[in-house]
C-alpha cells in the first residue's frame, strides 16, 4: 500500500491533535481523570476549547485517542491479507500486536485510570461495540468466506473481546494464543 505524504495543513492538524492528546493524558495521570476538565486541557495545550472539540468529540475520547487506528488496523488485517492467507491467524497477529502495544511498559497507569472511571469504562465498552460492528461489516463483505452475518458478527465480537481479555491477563501473549485457538475452532465449525 502506497501512502501519500501529508501536506503542511494535515501535518499541523495532526501535531495539534497529538499535542492535545498528550497534554490531556499527562493532566489526567497527574491530577486524576475526574478532576481535570476540558477547559483545563485546552488551556494547558494552548488551544481553544472549540479547537479541542474539533479534534475530539468528548473528554473520554482524549484518553482513547487512537480509537480509529485500532479499528482500522483490524479492518486492514482482514482486507490486506495475501491471497489464500487464513483469516483467523491474520486477526490473531494483529490483536497480539495491539495487546503488546497496550501492555508495554508505562501503560499500566493509563489502564488503571480507565478501570477506576465509570465514564471511561462505559466509553471503552461503546468503542468496542463500534469496532466489532465495523469489523463484522468488513467480514461480511469478504468474498469467499461463505459465513452467515451472525457468524461474522460473532467473530468480530470475539476478536474485540480477545483484545480486552488478553490485555488483562498475566501473560497477554499466551492469552491471545489460547483465545484465538478457541475462536478458530468455532469459526471452522460455523
N, C-alpha and C. Protein backbone atom coordinates (compact mmCIF):
# COMPACT_ATOMS: atom_id res chain seq x y z
N UNK A 1 0.85 -1.17 0.00
CA UNK A 1 0.00 0.00 0.00
C UNK A 1 0.89 1.24 0.00
N UNK A 2 0.68 2.14 -0.93
CA UNK A 2 1.45 3.37 -1.03
C UNK A 2 0.75 4.46 -0.24
N UNK A 3 1.52 5.14 0.59
CA UNK A 3 0.93 6.23 1.36
C UNK A 3 1.32 7.56 0.72
N UNK A 4 0.37 8.46 0.71
CA UNK A 4 0.59 9.78 0.16
C UNK A 4 1.08 10.68 1.30
N UNK A 5 2.18 11.39 1.09
CA UNK A 5 2.68 12.26 2.15
C UNK A 5 1.65 13.33 2.51
N UNK A 6 1.59 13.65 3.79
CA UNK A 6 0.66 14.68 4.25
C UNK A 6 1.16 16.05 3.86
N UNK A 7 0.23 16.92 3.55
CA UNK A 7 0.57 18.31 3.28
C UNK A 7 0.81 19.05 4.58
N UNK A 8 1.24 20.27 4.46
CA UNK A 8 1.56 21.09 5.63
C UNK A 8 0.36 21.23 6.57
N UNK A 9 -0.81 21.50 6.01
CA UNK A 9 -2.01 21.69 6.83
C UNK A 9 -2.35 20.41 7.61
N UNK A 10 -2.28 19.27 6.93
CA UNK A 10 -2.58 18.00 7.59
C UNK A 10 -1.57 17.70 8.69
N UNK A 11 -0.30 18.01 8.44
CA UNK A 11 0.73 17.80 9.46
C UNK A 11 0.48 18.68 10.68
N UNK A 12 0.08 19.93 10.45
CA UNK A 12 -0.20 20.83 11.57
C UNK A 12 -1.41 20.34 12.37
N UNK A 13 -2.45 19.88 11.67
CA UNK A 13 -3.63 19.36 12.36
C UNK A 13 -3.28 18.12 13.18
N UNK A 14 -2.48 17.24 12.60
CA UNK A 14 -2.07 16.02 13.31
C UNK A 14 -1.22 16.37 14.53
N UNK A 15 -0.34 17.35 14.37
CA UNK A 15 0.50 17.77 15.50
C UNK A 15 -0.34 18.39 16.61
N UNK A 16 -1.32 19.20 16.24
CA UNK A 16 -2.20 19.80 17.25
C UNK A 16 -2.99 18.72 17.96
N UNK A 17 -3.53 17.79 17.21
CA UNK A 17 -4.29 16.69 17.82
C UNK A 17 -3.43 15.91 18.81
N UNK A 18 -2.20 15.59 18.39
CA UNK A 18 -1.31 14.83 19.26
C UNK A 18 -0.93 15.63 20.50
N UNK A 19 -0.72 16.93 20.34
CA UNK A 19 -0.38 17.79 21.49
C UNK A 19 -1.53 17.80 22.48
N UNK A 20 -2.75 17.92 22.00
CA UNK A 20 -3.92 17.92 22.88
C UNK A 20 -4.02 16.59 23.62
N UNK A 21 -3.89 15.49 22.88
CA UNK A 21 -3.99 14.16 23.49
C UNK A 21 -2.90 13.93 24.53
N UNK A 22 -1.68 14.30 24.22
CA UNK A 22 -0.57 14.12 25.15
C UNK A 22 -0.76 14.98 26.41
N UNK A 23 -1.20 16.20 26.20
CA UNK A 23 -1.45 17.10 27.33
C UNK A 23 -2.55 16.55 28.22
N UNK A 24 -3.62 16.11 27.60
CA UNK A 24 -4.75 15.56 28.37
C UNK A 24 -4.31 14.37 29.20
N UNK A 25 -3.61 13.45 28.59
CA UNK A 25 -3.19 12.25 29.30
C UNK A 25 -2.27 12.60 30.46
N UNK A 26 -1.36 13.52 30.23
CA UNK A 26 -0.46 13.96 31.30
C UNK A 26 -1.25 14.56 32.47
N UNK A 27 -2.19 15.43 32.16
CA UNK A 27 -3.01 16.04 33.21
C UNK A 27 -3.86 15.01 33.94
N UNK A 28 -4.48 14.10 33.18
CA UNK A 28 -5.32 13.07 33.79
C UNK A 28 -4.51 12.20 34.75
N UNK A 29 -3.30 11.84 34.34
CA UNK A 29 -2.48 10.98 35.18
C UNK A 29 -1.94 11.72 36.40
N UNK A 30 -1.63 12.99 36.23
CA UNK A 30 -1.10 13.78 37.35
C UNK A 30 -2.17 14.15 38.37
N UNK A 31 -3.33 14.60 37.88
CA UNK A 31 -4.36 15.15 38.77
C UNK A 31 -5.56 14.24 38.97
N UNK A 32 -5.77 13.33 38.06
CA UNK A 32 -6.94 12.46 38.12
C UNK A 32 -7.93 12.81 37.03
N UNK A 33 -8.44 11.80 36.38
CA UNK A 33 -9.34 11.99 35.25
C UNK A 33 -10.57 12.81 35.63
N UNK A 34 -11.19 12.47 36.74
CA UNK A 34 -12.44 13.12 37.14
C UNK A 34 -12.24 14.59 37.50
N UNK A 35 -11.05 14.95 37.95
CA UNK A 35 -10.77 16.31 38.41
C UNK A 35 -10.50 17.27 37.27
N UNK A 36 -9.85 16.78 36.22
CA UNK A 36 -9.43 17.64 35.11
C UNK A 36 -10.60 17.85 34.14
N UNK A 37 -10.85 19.10 33.81
CA UNK A 37 -11.91 19.43 32.86
C UNK A 37 -11.37 19.73 31.47
N UNK A 38 -12.27 19.81 30.54
CA UNK A 38 -11.91 20.12 29.15
C UNK A 38 -11.21 21.47 29.06
N UNK A 39 -11.69 22.45 29.79
CA UNK A 39 -11.05 23.78 29.78
C UNK A 39 -9.62 23.70 30.29
N UNK A 40 -9.38 22.85 31.29
CA UNK A 40 -8.02 22.68 31.81
C UNK A 40 -7.09 22.14 30.72
N UNK A 41 -7.58 21.15 29.99
CA UNK A 41 -6.78 20.54 28.92
C UNK A 41 -6.51 21.57 27.83
N UNK A 42 -7.54 22.27 27.41
CA UNK A 42 -7.38 23.27 26.35
C UNK A 42 -6.38 24.35 26.76
N UNK A 43 -6.50 24.84 27.98
CA UNK A 43 -5.59 25.88 28.45
C UNK A 43 -4.15 25.38 28.49
N UNK A 44 -3.96 24.18 29.02
CA UNK A 44 -2.60 23.62 29.13
C UNK A 44 -2.01 23.34 27.74
N UNK A 45 -2.84 22.93 26.80
CA UNK A 45 -2.37 22.66 25.43
C UNK A 45 -2.28 23.93 24.59
N UNK A 46 -2.75 25.05 25.16
CA UNK A 46 -2.73 26.34 24.49
C UNK A 46 -3.55 26.33 23.19
N UNK A 47 -4.77 25.76 23.32
CA UNK A 47 -5.72 25.78 22.21
C UNK A 47 -7.07 26.21 22.75
N UNK A 48 -7.94 26.62 21.86
CA UNK A 48 -9.30 26.97 22.24
C UNK A 48 -10.09 25.69 22.51
N UNK A 49 -11.11 25.80 23.34
CA UNK A 49 -11.98 24.65 23.61
C UNK A 49 -12.60 24.16 22.30
N UNK A 50 -12.97 25.08 21.43
CA UNK A 50 -13.55 24.67 20.15
C UNK A 50 -12.54 23.89 19.31
N UNK A 51 -11.27 24.25 19.39
CA UNK A 51 -10.23 23.50 18.68
C UNK A 51 -10.13 22.10 19.25
N UNK A 52 -10.16 21.98 20.56
CA UNK A 52 -10.11 20.67 21.19
C UNK A 52 -11.27 19.80 20.69
N UNK A 53 -12.47 20.39 20.68
CA UNK A 53 -13.63 19.61 20.24
C UNK A 53 -13.65 19.35 18.73
N UNK A 54 -12.88 20.12 17.96
CA UNK A 54 -12.80 19.79 16.54
C UNK A 54 -11.94 18.55 16.31
N UNK A 55 -11.12 18.20 17.29
CA UNK A 55 -10.28 17.00 17.20
C UNK A 55 -10.84 15.82 18.00
N UNK A 56 -11.54 16.10 19.08
CA UNK A 56 -12.05 15.05 19.97
C UNK A 56 -13.50 15.35 20.32
N UNK A 57 -14.35 14.35 20.19
CA UNK A 57 -15.77 14.53 20.42
C UNK A 57 -16.19 14.58 21.86
N UNK A 58 -15.31 14.15 22.76
CA UNK A 58 -15.67 14.11 24.18
C UNK A 58 -14.40 14.05 25.03
N UNK A 59 -14.57 14.24 26.31
CA UNK A 59 -13.45 14.11 27.23
C UNK A 59 -12.90 12.69 27.21
N UNK A 60 -13.79 11.71 27.15
CA UNK A 60 -13.35 10.31 27.13
C UNK A 60 -12.51 10.01 25.90
N UNK A 61 -12.85 10.62 24.77
CA UNK A 61 -12.12 10.37 23.53
C UNK A 61 -10.65 10.81 23.64
N UNK A 62 -10.37 11.74 24.55
CA UNK A 62 -8.98 12.17 24.76
C UNK A 62 -8.12 11.01 25.28
N UNK A 63 -8.71 10.14 26.07
CA UNK A 63 -7.97 9.01 26.63
C UNK A 63 -7.76 7.94 25.56
N UNK A 64 -8.76 7.77 24.72
CA UNK A 64 -8.71 6.74 23.68
C UNK A 64 -8.41 7.38 22.33
N UNK A 65 -7.39 8.21 22.27
CA UNK A 65 -7.12 9.00 21.07
C UNK A 65 -6.75 8.16 19.87
N UNK A 66 -6.37 6.90 20.07
CA UNK A 66 -6.04 6.05 18.92
C UNK A 66 -7.18 5.11 18.57
N UNK A 67 -8.37 5.46 18.98
CA UNK A 67 -9.58 4.67 18.74
C UNK A 67 -9.74 4.30 17.27
N UNK A 68 -9.68 5.26 16.39
CA UNK A 68 -9.89 4.99 14.96
C UNK A 68 -8.79 4.12 14.40
N UNK A 69 -7.57 4.29 14.86
CA UNK A 69 -6.45 3.49 14.39
C UNK A 69 -6.65 2.02 14.76
N UNK A 70 -7.16 1.77 15.95
CA UNK A 70 -7.41 0.40 16.41
C UNK A 70 -8.35 -0.32 15.45
N UNK A 71 -9.48 0.30 15.16
CA UNK A 71 -10.46 -0.30 14.26
C UNK A 71 -9.87 -0.48 12.86
N UNK A 72 -9.16 0.52 12.38
CA UNK A 72 -8.58 0.46 11.04
C UNK A 72 -7.56 -0.67 10.93
N UNK A 73 -6.78 -0.88 11.97
CA UNK A 73 -5.79 -1.96 11.93
C UNK A 73 -6.45 -3.33 11.83
N UNK A 74 -7.54 -3.53 12.54
CA UNK A 74 -8.25 -4.81 12.46
C UNK A 74 -8.88 -4.99 11.09
N UNK A 75 -9.43 -3.92 10.55
CA UNK A 75 -10.02 -3.99 9.21
C UNK A 75 -8.94 -4.34 8.19
N UNK A 76 -7.79 -3.69 8.29
CA UNK A 76 -6.68 -3.98 7.35
C UNK A 76 -6.16 -5.40 7.52
N UNK A 77 -6.21 -5.95 8.74
CA UNK A 77 -5.78 -7.34 8.94
C UNK A 77 -6.63 -8.27 8.08
N UNK A 78 -7.89 -7.90 7.86
CA UNK A 78 -8.79 -8.69 7.03
C UNK A 78 -8.58 -8.37 5.56
N UNK A 79 -8.62 -7.11 5.21
CA UNK A 79 -8.62 -6.71 3.80
C UNK A 79 -7.25 -6.80 3.12
N UNK A 80 -6.18 -6.68 3.89
CA UNK A 80 -4.84 -6.68 3.30
C UNK A 80 -4.17 -8.06 3.33
N UNK A 81 -4.92 -9.09 3.68
CA UNK A 81 -4.34 -10.44 3.68
C UNK A 81 -3.93 -10.81 2.26
N UNK A 82 -2.87 -11.59 2.18
CA UNK A 82 -2.46 -12.09 0.87
C UNK A 82 -3.46 -13.16 0.43
N UNK A 83 -3.51 -13.41 -0.85
CA UNK A 83 -4.44 -14.41 -1.39
C UNK A 83 -4.18 -15.75 -0.72
N UNK A 84 -5.22 -16.34 -0.19
CA UNK A 84 -5.12 -17.63 0.46
C UNK A 84 -4.71 -17.59 1.92
N UNK A 85 -4.35 -16.42 2.43
CA UNK A 85 -3.97 -16.34 3.84
C UNK A 85 -5.21 -16.54 4.71
N UNK A 86 -5.13 -17.44 5.69
CA UNK A 86 -6.29 -17.68 6.55
C UNK A 86 -6.67 -16.44 7.36
N UNK A 87 -7.95 -16.26 7.56
CA UNK A 87 -8.49 -15.08 8.23
C UNK A 87 -8.14 -15.02 9.71
N UNK A 88 -8.44 -16.06 10.45
CA UNK A 88 -8.29 -16.01 11.91
C UNK A 88 -6.84 -15.79 12.33
N UNK A 89 -5.85 -16.45 11.74
CA UNK A 89 -4.47 -16.15 12.12
C UNK A 89 -4.08 -14.69 11.83
N UNK A 90 -4.61 -14.12 10.76
CA UNK A 90 -4.32 -12.71 10.46
C UNK A 90 -4.87 -11.80 11.56
N UNK A 91 -6.08 -12.09 12.01
CA UNK A 91 -6.67 -11.31 13.11
C UNK A 91 -5.88 -11.53 14.39
N UNK A 92 -5.49 -12.76 14.63
CA UNK A 92 -4.72 -13.09 15.84
C UNK A 92 -3.42 -12.29 15.89
N UNK A 93 -2.70 -12.24 14.77
CA UNK A 93 -1.44 -11.48 14.72
C UNK A 93 -1.66 -10.02 15.04
N UNK A 94 -2.73 -9.45 14.48
CA UNK A 94 -2.98 -8.02 14.72
C UNK A 94 -3.38 -7.77 16.16
N UNK A 95 -4.23 -8.63 16.71
CA UNK A 95 -4.62 -8.46 18.12
C UNK A 95 -3.39 -8.59 19.02
N UNK A 96 -2.52 -9.54 18.73
CA UNK A 96 -1.30 -9.70 19.52
C UNK A 96 -0.45 -8.44 19.47
N UNK A 97 -0.32 -7.85 18.30
CA UNK A 97 0.44 -6.60 18.15
C UNK A 97 -0.21 -5.49 18.98
N UNK A 98 -1.52 -5.38 18.90
CA UNK A 98 -2.24 -4.35 19.66
C UNK A 98 -2.12 -4.58 21.16
N UNK A 99 -2.20 -5.82 21.59
CA UNK A 99 -2.08 -6.14 23.02
C UNK A 99 -0.67 -5.81 23.51
N UNK A 100 0.32 -6.16 22.72
CA UNK A 100 1.70 -5.83 23.13
C UNK A 100 1.88 -4.33 23.29
N UNK A 101 1.30 -3.57 22.39
CA UNK A 101 1.39 -2.11 22.49
C UNK A 101 0.72 -1.61 23.77
N UNK A 102 -0.46 -2.15 24.07
CA UNK A 102 -1.23 -1.67 25.22
C UNK A 102 -0.74 -2.21 26.56
N UNK A 103 0.13 -3.20 26.53
CA UNK A 103 0.68 -3.73 27.77
C UNK A 103 2.16 -3.39 27.92
N UNK A 104 2.65 -2.53 27.04
CA UNK A 104 4.06 -2.13 27.10
C UNK A 104 4.33 -1.38 28.39
N UNK A 105 5.58 -1.31 28.72
CA UNK A 105 6.00 -0.62 29.94
C UNK A 105 5.44 0.81 29.95
N UNK A 106 4.90 1.20 31.04
CA UNK A 106 4.35 2.54 31.19
C UNK A 106 2.86 2.65 30.92
N UNK A 107 2.24 1.61 30.42
CA UNK A 107 0.81 1.69 30.11
C UNK A 107 -0.09 1.38 31.30
N UNK A 108 0.46 0.76 32.34
CA UNK A 108 -0.36 0.36 33.50
C UNK A 108 -1.11 1.54 34.13
N UNK A 109 -0.49 2.70 34.32
CA UNK A 109 -1.25 3.81 34.93
C UNK A 109 -2.47 4.24 34.10
N UNK A 110 -2.34 4.17 32.78
CA UNK A 110 -3.46 4.56 31.91
C UNK A 110 -4.61 3.57 32.10
N UNK A 111 -4.30 2.26 32.08
CA UNK A 111 -5.37 1.27 32.23
C UNK A 111 -5.96 1.29 33.63
N UNK A 112 -5.14 1.60 34.62
CA UNK A 112 -5.66 1.74 35.99
C UNK A 112 -6.66 2.91 36.04
N UNK A 113 -6.33 4.01 35.37
CA UNK A 113 -7.22 5.16 35.31
C UNK A 113 -8.54 4.77 34.63
N UNK A 114 -8.46 4.02 33.57
CA UNK A 114 -9.67 3.59 32.85
C UNK A 114 -10.54 2.72 33.74
N UNK A 115 -9.92 1.76 34.41
CA UNK A 115 -10.67 0.85 35.29
C UNK A 115 -11.34 1.60 36.43
N UNK A 116 -10.70 2.64 36.92
CA UNK A 116 -11.23 3.39 38.06
C UNK A 116 -12.32 4.39 37.68
N UNK A 117 -12.54 4.63 36.42
CA UNK A 117 -13.52 5.63 35.98
C UNK A 117 -14.70 4.96 35.29
N UNK A 118 -15.88 5.13 35.85
CA UNK A 118 -17.09 4.57 35.23
C UNK A 118 -17.30 5.14 33.83
N UNK A 119 -17.04 6.43 33.66
CA UNK A 119 -17.24 7.07 32.35
C UNK A 119 -16.29 6.47 31.31
N UNK A 120 -15.05 6.22 31.69
CA UNK A 120 -14.09 5.66 30.75
C UNK A 120 -14.40 4.20 30.44
N UNK A 121 -14.82 3.45 31.45
CA UNK A 121 -15.20 2.04 31.19
C UNK A 121 -16.39 1.97 30.25
N UNK A 122 -17.36 2.86 30.45
CA UNK A 122 -18.54 2.89 29.57
C UNK A 122 -18.15 3.29 28.15
N UNK A 123 -17.27 4.27 28.03
CA UNK A 123 -16.81 4.70 26.71
C UNK A 123 -16.06 3.58 26.02
N UNK A 124 -15.21 2.88 26.76
CA UNK A 124 -14.46 1.78 26.17
C UNK A 124 -15.40 0.68 25.68
N UNK A 125 -16.43 0.38 26.43
CA UNK A 125 -17.39 -0.64 26.01
C UNK A 125 -18.11 -0.20 24.73
N UNK A 126 -18.52 1.05 24.64
CA UNK A 126 -19.19 1.52 23.42
C UNK A 126 -18.21 1.52 22.24
N UNK A 127 -16.97 1.82 22.52
CA UNK A 127 -15.94 1.81 21.49
C UNK A 127 -15.74 0.38 20.97
N UNK A 128 -15.70 -0.58 21.87
CA UNK A 128 -15.54 -1.98 21.46
C UNK A 128 -16.71 -2.43 20.60
N UNK A 129 -17.91 -2.00 20.94
CA UNK A 129 -19.08 -2.36 20.13
C UNK A 129 -18.98 -1.75 18.73
N UNK A 130 -18.54 -0.49 18.64
CA UNK A 130 -18.35 0.15 17.33
C UNK A 130 -17.31 -0.60 16.50
N UNK A 131 -16.21 -0.97 17.15
CA UNK A 131 -15.16 -1.71 16.44
C UNK A 131 -15.68 -3.05 15.94
N UNK A 132 -16.45 -3.73 16.77
CA UNK A 132 -16.99 -5.03 16.38
C UNK A 132 -17.94 -4.89 15.20
N UNK A 133 -18.76 -3.84 15.19
CA UNK A 133 -19.68 -3.61 14.07
C UNK A 133 -18.90 -3.35 12.78
N UNK A 134 -17.86 -2.53 12.87
CA UNK A 134 -17.05 -2.22 11.68
C UNK A 134 -16.36 -3.48 11.16
N UNK A 135 -15.81 -4.27 12.07
CA UNK A 135 -15.12 -5.49 11.66
C UNK A 135 -16.11 -6.49 11.07
N UNK A 136 -17.28 -6.63 11.68
CA UNK A 136 -18.30 -7.56 11.17
C UNK A 136 -18.72 -7.17 9.75
N UNK A 137 -18.87 -5.89 9.50
CA UNK A 137 -19.27 -5.43 8.17
C UNK A 137 -18.21 -5.79 7.13
N UNK A 138 -16.94 -5.63 7.47
CA UNK A 138 -15.86 -5.97 6.56
C UNK A 138 -15.82 -7.48 6.34
N UNK A 139 -16.00 -8.24 7.40
CA UNK A 139 -16.00 -9.70 7.27
C UNK A 139 -17.13 -10.17 6.35
N UNK A 140 -18.30 -9.58 6.52
CA UNK A 140 -19.46 -9.97 5.70
C UNK A 140 -19.24 -9.65 4.23
N UNK A 141 -18.41 -8.64 3.94
CA UNK A 141 -18.14 -8.25 2.55
C UNK A 141 -17.00 -9.02 1.91
N UNK A 142 -16.32 -9.87 2.67
CA UNK A 142 -15.17 -10.59 2.12
C UNK A 142 -15.63 -11.72 1.20
N UNK A 143 -15.15 -11.71 -0.03
CA UNK A 143 -15.52 -12.80 -0.95
C UNK A 143 -14.89 -14.11 -0.48
N UNK A 144 -15.63 -15.16 -0.60
CA UNK A 144 -15.10 -16.48 -0.30
C UNK A 144 -15.20 -16.93 1.14
N UNK A 145 -15.68 -16.07 2.03
CA UNK A 145 -15.79 -16.51 3.43
C UNK A 145 -16.97 -17.44 3.64
N UNK A 146 -18.04 -17.22 2.92
CA UNK A 146 -19.23 -18.07 2.97
C UNK A 146 -19.68 -18.34 4.40
N UNK A 147 -19.83 -17.28 5.17
CA UNK A 147 -20.33 -17.39 6.54
C UNK A 147 -21.55 -16.48 6.67
N UNK A 148 -22.41 -16.83 7.57
CA UNK A 148 -23.62 -16.05 7.80
C UNK A 148 -23.27 -14.70 8.45
N UNK A 149 -24.17 -13.72 8.34
CA UNK A 149 -23.93 -12.45 9.04
C UNK A 149 -23.75 -12.65 10.55
N UNK A 150 -24.46 -13.61 11.11
CA UNK A 150 -24.32 -13.89 12.55
C UNK A 150 -22.92 -14.40 12.86
N UNK A 151 -22.40 -15.30 12.03
CA UNK A 151 -21.05 -15.81 12.25
C UNK A 151 -20.02 -14.69 12.13
N UNK A 152 -20.21 -13.78 11.18
CA UNK A 152 -19.29 -12.64 11.03
C UNK A 152 -19.34 -11.73 12.24
N UNK A 153 -20.55 -11.47 12.74
CA UNK A 153 -20.69 -10.63 13.93
C UNK A 153 -20.05 -11.30 15.15
N UNK A 154 -20.23 -12.62 15.27
CA UNK A 154 -19.65 -13.33 16.40
C UNK A 154 -18.12 -13.28 16.33
N UNK A 155 -17.55 -13.54 15.15
CA UNK A 155 -16.10 -13.48 15.02
C UNK A 155 -15.58 -12.09 15.37
N UNK A 156 -16.27 -11.08 14.92
CA UNK A 156 -15.85 -9.70 15.21
C UNK A 156 -15.89 -9.43 16.72
N UNK A 157 -16.99 -9.80 17.36
CA UNK A 157 -17.09 -9.58 18.82
C UNK A 157 -16.03 -10.37 19.58
N UNK A 158 -15.82 -11.62 19.20
CA UNK A 158 -14.81 -12.44 19.88
C UNK A 158 -13.42 -11.84 19.70
N UNK A 159 -13.15 -11.31 18.51
CA UNK A 159 -11.85 -10.71 18.24
C UNK A 159 -11.63 -9.49 19.12
N UNK A 160 -12.63 -8.63 19.20
CA UNK A 160 -12.52 -7.42 20.03
C UNK A 160 -12.41 -7.80 21.50
N UNK A 161 -13.22 -8.76 21.93
CA UNK A 161 -13.16 -9.19 23.33
C UNK A 161 -11.84 -9.89 23.65
N UNK A 162 -11.25 -10.56 22.66
CA UNK A 162 -9.94 -11.20 22.87
C UNK A 162 -8.91 -10.16 23.26
N UNK A 163 -8.97 -9.01 22.63
CA UNK A 163 -8.04 -7.93 22.97
C UNK A 163 -8.20 -7.53 24.44
N UNK A 164 -9.44 -7.32 24.87
CA UNK A 164 -9.68 -6.89 26.25
C UNK A 164 -9.27 -7.97 27.25
N UNK A 165 -9.61 -9.21 26.98
CA UNK A 165 -9.26 -10.30 27.89
C UNK A 165 -7.74 -10.49 27.98
N UNK A 166 -7.07 -10.47 26.86
CA UNK A 166 -5.62 -10.68 26.85
C UNK A 166 -4.90 -9.52 27.52
N UNK A 167 -5.39 -8.32 27.31
CA UNK A 167 -4.77 -7.14 27.91
C UNK A 167 -4.74 -7.25 29.43
N UNK A 168 -5.74 -7.91 30.00
CA UNK A 168 -5.85 -8.02 31.45
C UNK A 168 -5.18 -9.28 32.00
N UNK A 169 -4.71 -10.17 31.14
CA UNK A 169 -4.14 -11.45 31.57
C UNK A 169 -2.72 -11.28 32.12
N UNK A 170 -2.31 -12.22 32.96
CA UNK A 170 -0.95 -12.21 33.49
C UNK A 170 0.07 -12.40 32.37
N UNK A 171 -0.25 -13.24 31.40
CA UNK A 171 0.61 -13.45 30.23
C UNK A 171 -0.22 -13.13 28.98
N UNK A 172 -0.22 -11.87 28.56
CA UNK A 172 -1.07 -11.46 27.44
C UNK A 172 -0.85 -12.25 26.15
N UNK A 173 0.39 -12.55 25.80
CA UNK A 173 0.65 -13.28 24.56
C UNK A 173 0.07 -14.69 24.62
N UNK A 174 0.24 -15.36 25.75
CA UNK A 174 -0.32 -16.70 25.90
C UNK A 174 -1.84 -16.65 25.85
N UNK A 175 -2.41 -15.60 26.44
CA UNK A 175 -3.87 -15.46 26.42
C UNK A 175 -4.39 -15.27 25.00
N UNK A 176 -3.70 -14.47 24.21
CA UNK A 176 -4.11 -14.27 22.80
C UNK A 176 -4.10 -15.61 22.08
N UNK A 177 -3.03 -16.38 22.26
CA UNK A 177 -2.94 -17.69 21.61
C UNK A 177 -4.08 -18.62 22.04
N UNK A 178 -4.34 -18.67 23.33
CA UNK A 178 -5.40 -19.54 23.85
C UNK A 178 -6.77 -19.12 23.32
N UNK A 179 -7.04 -17.84 23.37
CA UNK A 179 -8.34 -17.34 22.93
C UNK A 179 -8.53 -17.59 21.43
N UNK A 180 -7.51 -17.33 20.64
CA UNK A 180 -7.66 -17.49 19.20
C UNK A 180 -7.72 -18.95 18.76
N UNK A 181 -7.17 -19.87 19.56
CA UNK A 181 -7.38 -21.29 19.24
C UNK A 181 -8.87 -21.62 19.36
N UNK A 182 -9.53 -21.08 20.38
CA UNK A 182 -10.97 -21.30 20.54
C UNK A 182 -11.74 -20.61 19.42
N UNK A 183 -11.36 -19.39 19.10
CA UNK A 183 -12.03 -18.64 18.03
C UNK A 183 -11.91 -19.39 16.71
N UNK A 184 -10.72 -19.87 16.41
CA UNK A 184 -10.52 -20.57 15.14
C UNK A 184 -11.37 -21.84 15.08
N UNK A 185 -11.44 -22.57 16.18
CA UNK A 185 -12.25 -23.80 16.19
C UNK A 185 -13.72 -23.47 15.96
N UNK A 186 -14.18 -22.40 16.59
CA UNK A 186 -15.59 -22.00 16.40
C UNK A 186 -15.85 -21.52 14.97
N UNK A 187 -14.90 -20.75 14.41
CA UNK A 187 -15.05 -20.24 13.05
C UNK A 187 -15.08 -21.40 12.05
N UNK A 188 -14.23 -22.37 12.25
CA UNK A 188 -14.21 -23.53 11.35
C UNK A 188 -15.49 -24.33 11.46
N UNK A 189 -16.08 -24.36 12.64
CA UNK A 189 -17.33 -25.13 12.84
C UNK A 189 -18.55 -24.40 12.28
N UNK A 190 -18.41 -23.08 12.08
CA UNK A 190 -19.57 -22.28 11.63
C UNK A 190 -19.93 -22.59 10.18
